[in-house]
């Protein structure tokens, strides 16, 4: 769960300012899209952690009885990863998504 919170915070920072951690900065051409992707992936991680560790404390079979919760969390993570991958592509001509440009 802490990793989800960190991903959300770093995603918001990347979206608002265009700043990213140095290892992530190299190939990213659209920092705002990267920020949205990181935040969505972080929400997916946080959702999975909450549904598994917090909501299923009283019922150990909560996720096995409701697989849609795990599917939704994994779907959010994969969508966030797809947005992060798309942030490495070139933006359309004439549009700059970088906040400083």
C-alpha atoms as a PDB file:
ATOM      1  CA  UNK A   1       0.000   0.000   0.000  1.00  0.00           C
ATOM      2  CA  UNK A   2       2.779   2.529   0.634  1.00  0.00           C
ATOM      3  CA  UNK A   3       4.028   1.933  -2.918  1.00  0.00           C
ATOM      4  CA  UNK A   4       0.620   2.940  -4.245  1.00  0.00           C
ATOM      5  CA  UNK A   5       0.681   6.185  -2.272  1.00  0.00           C
ATOM      6  CA  UNK A   6       4.216   6.951  -3.500  1.00  0.00           C
ATOM      7  CA  UNK A   7       3.169   6.267  -7.111  1.00  0.00           C
ATOM      8  CA  UNK A   8       0.165   8.580  -6.764  1.00  0.00           C
ATOM      9  CA  UNK A   9       2.288  11.381  -5.287  1.00  0.00           C
ATOM     10  CA  UNK A  10       4.984  11.049  -7.955  1.00  0.00           C
ATOM     11  CA  UNK A  11       2.312  10.911 -10.655  1.00  0.00           C
ATOM     12  CA  UNK A  12       0.705  14.130  -9.436  1.00  0.00           C
ATOM     13  CA  UNK A  13       4.109  15.821  -9.262  1.00  0.00           C
ATOM     14  CA  UNK A  14       4.932  14.691 -12.816  1.00  0.00           C
ATOM     15  CA  UNK A  15       1.554  15.871 -14.077  1.00  0.00           C
ATOM     16  CA  UNK A  16       1.714  19.270 -12.397  1.00  0.00           C
ATOM     17  CA  UNK A  17       5.376  20.188 -12.888  1.00  0.00           C
ATOM     18  CA  UNK A  18       6.856  17.765 -15.423  1.00  0.00           C
ATOM     19  CA  UNK A  19       9.462  16.578 -12.902  1.00  0.00           C
ATOM     20  CA  UNK A  20      10.215  12.858 -12.694  1.00  0.00           C
ATOM     21  CA  UNK A  21      12.726  10.677 -10.904  1.00  0.00           C
ATOM     22  CA  UNK A  22      16.019  10.578 -12.843  1.00  0.00           C
ATOM     23  CA  UNK A  23      15.745   6.907 -13.941  1.00  0.00           C
ATOM     24  CA  UNK A  24      12.292   7.592 -15.410  1.00  0.00           C
ATOM     25  CA  UNK A  25      13.226  10.831 -17.137  1.00  0.00           C
ATOM     26  CA  UNK A  26      15.316   9.413 -19.948  1.00  0.00           C
ATOM     27  CA  UNK A  27      12.793   8.246 -22.527  1.00  0.00           C
ATOM     28  CA  UNK A  28       9.661  10.114 -21.498  1.00  0.00           C
ATOM     29  CA  UNK A  29       8.471  12.564 -24.136  1.00  0.00           C
ATOM     30  CA  UNK A  30       5.107  13.421 -22.607  1.00  0.00           C
ATOM     31  CA  UNK A  31       5.550  14.023 -18.869  1.00  0.00           C
ATOM     32  CA  UNK A  32       1.897  14.873 -18.208  1.00  0.00           C
ATOM     33  CA  UNK A  33       0.728  11.566 -19.684  1.00  0.00           C
ATOM     34  CA  UNK A  34       3.400   9.829 -17.634  1.00  0.00           C
ATOM     35  CA  UNK A  35       2.048  11.513 -14.506  1.00  0.00           C
ATOM     36  CA  UNK A  36      -1.514  10.407 -15.227  1.00  0.00           C
ATOM     37  CA  UNK A  37      -0.325   6.854 -15.875  1.00  0.00           C
ATOM     38  CA  UNK A  38       1.692   6.728 -12.676  1.00  0.00           C
ATOM     39  CA  UNK A  39      -1.240   8.062 -10.659  1.00  0.00           C
ATOM     40  CA  UNK A  40      -3.677   5.543 -12.197  1.00  0.00           C
ATOM     41  CA  UNK A  41      -1.255   2.680 -11.553  1.00  0.00           C
ATOM     42  CA  UNK A  42      -0.844   3.915  -7.983  1.00  0.00           C
ATOM     43  CA  UNK A  43      -4.614   3.977  -7.492  1.00  0.00           C
ATOM     44  CA  UNK A  44      -4.736   0.397  -8.750  1.00  0.00           C
ATOM     45  CA  UNK A  45      -2.039  -0.660  -6.291  1.00  0.00           C
ATOM     46  CA  UNK A  46      -3.765   1.143  -3.456  1.00  0.00           C
ATOM     47  CA  UNK A  47      -7.127  -0.399  -4.366  1.00  0.00           C
ATOM     48  CA  UNK A  48      -5.635  -3.885  -4.379  1.00  0.00           C
ATOM     49  CA  UNK A  49      -3.954  -3.292  -1.025  1.00  0.00           C
ATOM     50  CA  UNK A  50      -7.102  -1.926   0.577  1.00  0.00           C
ATOM     51  CA  UNK A  51      -9.328  -4.712  -0.707  1.00  0.00           C
ATOM     52  CA  UNK A  52      -6.892  -7.440   0.248  1.00  0.00           C
ATOM     53  CA  UNK A  53      -5.359  -6.293   3.525  1.00  0.00           C
ATOM     54  CA  UNK A  54      -7.989  -4.021   5.046  1.00  0.00           C
ATOM     55  CA  UNK A  55     -11.371  -5.237   3.880  1.00  0.00           C
ATOM     56  CA  UNK A  56     -10.603  -8.947   4.060  1.00  0.00           C
ATOM     57  CA  UNK A  57      -9.258  -9.009   7.642  1.00  0.00           C
ATOM     58  CA  UNK A  58     -12.473 -10.409   9.008  1.00  0.00           C
ATOM     59  CA  UNK A  59     -13.113 -12.724   6.043  1.00  0.00           C
ATOM     60  CA  UNK A  60     -10.052 -14.509   4.628  1.00  0.00           C
ATOM     61  CA  UNK A  61     -12.001 -15.674   1.567  1.00  0.00           C
ATOM     62  CA  UNK A  62     -13.222 -12.183   0.607  1.00  0.00           C
ATOM     63  CA  UNK A  63     -11.221 -11.981  -2.621  1.00  0.00           C
ATOM     64  CA  UNK A  64     -11.972 -15.541  -3.612  1.00  0.00           C
ATOM     65  CA  UNK A  65     -15.692 -14.852  -3.208  1.00  0.00           C
ATOM     66  CA  UNK A  66     -15.435 -11.550  -5.104  1.00  0.00           C
ATOM     67  CA  UNK A  67     -12.837 -11.817  -7.879  1.00  0.00           C
ATOM     68  CA  UNK A  68     -14.095  -8.586  -9.453  1.00  0.00           C
ATOM     69  CA  UNK A  69     -12.263  -6.569  -6.823  1.00  0.00           C
ATOM     70  CA  UNK A  70      -8.927  -8.092  -7.833  1.00  0.00           C
ATOM     71  CA  UNK A  71      -9.786  -7.753 -11.516  1.00  0.00           C
ATOM     72  CA  UNK A  72     -10.622  -4.070 -11.113  1.00  0.00           C
ATOM     73  CA  UNK A  73      -7.344  -3.356  -9.302  1.00  0.00           C
ATOM     74  CA  UNK A  74      -5.317  -5.226 -11.897  1.00  0.00           C
ATOM     75  CA  UNK A  75      -7.181  -3.450 -14.684  1.00  0.00           C
ATOM     76  CA  UNK A  76      -6.327  -0.055 -13.197  1.00  0.00           C
ATOM     77  CA  UNK A  77      -2.684  -1.050 -12.897  1.00  0.00           C
ATOM     78  CA  UNK A  78      -2.491  -2.290 -16.488  1.00  0.00           C
ATOM     79  CA  UNK A  79      -4.208   0.840 -17.791  1.00  0.00           C
ATOM     80  CA  UNK A  80      -1.715   2.980 -15.870  1.00  0.00           C
ATOM     81  CA  UNK A  81       1.194   0.980 -17.267  1.00  0.00           C
ATOM     82  CA  UNK A  82      -0.221   1.422 -20.785  1.00  0.00           C
ATOM     83  CA  UNK A  83      -0.372   5.194 -20.245  1.00  0.00           C
ATOM     84  CA  UNK A  84       3.218   5.181 -18.993  1.00  0.00           C
ATOM     85  CA  UNK A  85       4.271   3.240 -22.089  1.00  0.00           C
ATOM     86  CA  UNK A  86       2.372   5.700 -24.302  1.00  0.00           C
ATOM     87  CA  UNK A  87       4.232   8.593 -22.662  1.00  0.00           C
ATOM     88  CA  UNK A  88       7.401   7.365 -24.350  1.00  0.00           C
ATOM     89  CA  UNK A  89       5.904   7.974 -27.803  1.00  0.00           C
ATOM     90  CA  UNK A  90       6.270  11.233 -29.663  1.00  0.00           C
ATOM     91  CA  UNK A  91       3.416  13.734 -29.236  1.00  0.00           C
ATOM     92  CA  UNK A  92       1.418  14.916 -32.224  1.00  0.00           C
ATOM     93  CA  UNK A  93       2.874  17.723 -34.295  1.00  0.00           C
ATOM     94  CA  UNK A  94       2.067  21.195 -33.098  1.00  0.00           C
ATOM     95  CA  UNK A  95       1.081  20.109 -29.595  1.00  0.00           C
ATOM     96  CA  UNK A  96       3.366  20.252 -26.636  1.00  0.00           C
ATOM     97  CA  UNK A  97       2.237  18.518 -23.460  1.00  0.00           C
ATOM     98  CA  UNK A  98       5.240  19.668 -21.471  1.00  0.00           C
ATOM     99  CA  UNK A  99       4.221  22.324 -18.957  1.00  0.00           C
ATOM    100  CA  UNK A 100       7.344  24.397 -19.565  1.00  0.00           C
ATOM    101  CA  UNK A 101       6.903  24.682 -23.310  1.00  0.00           C
END
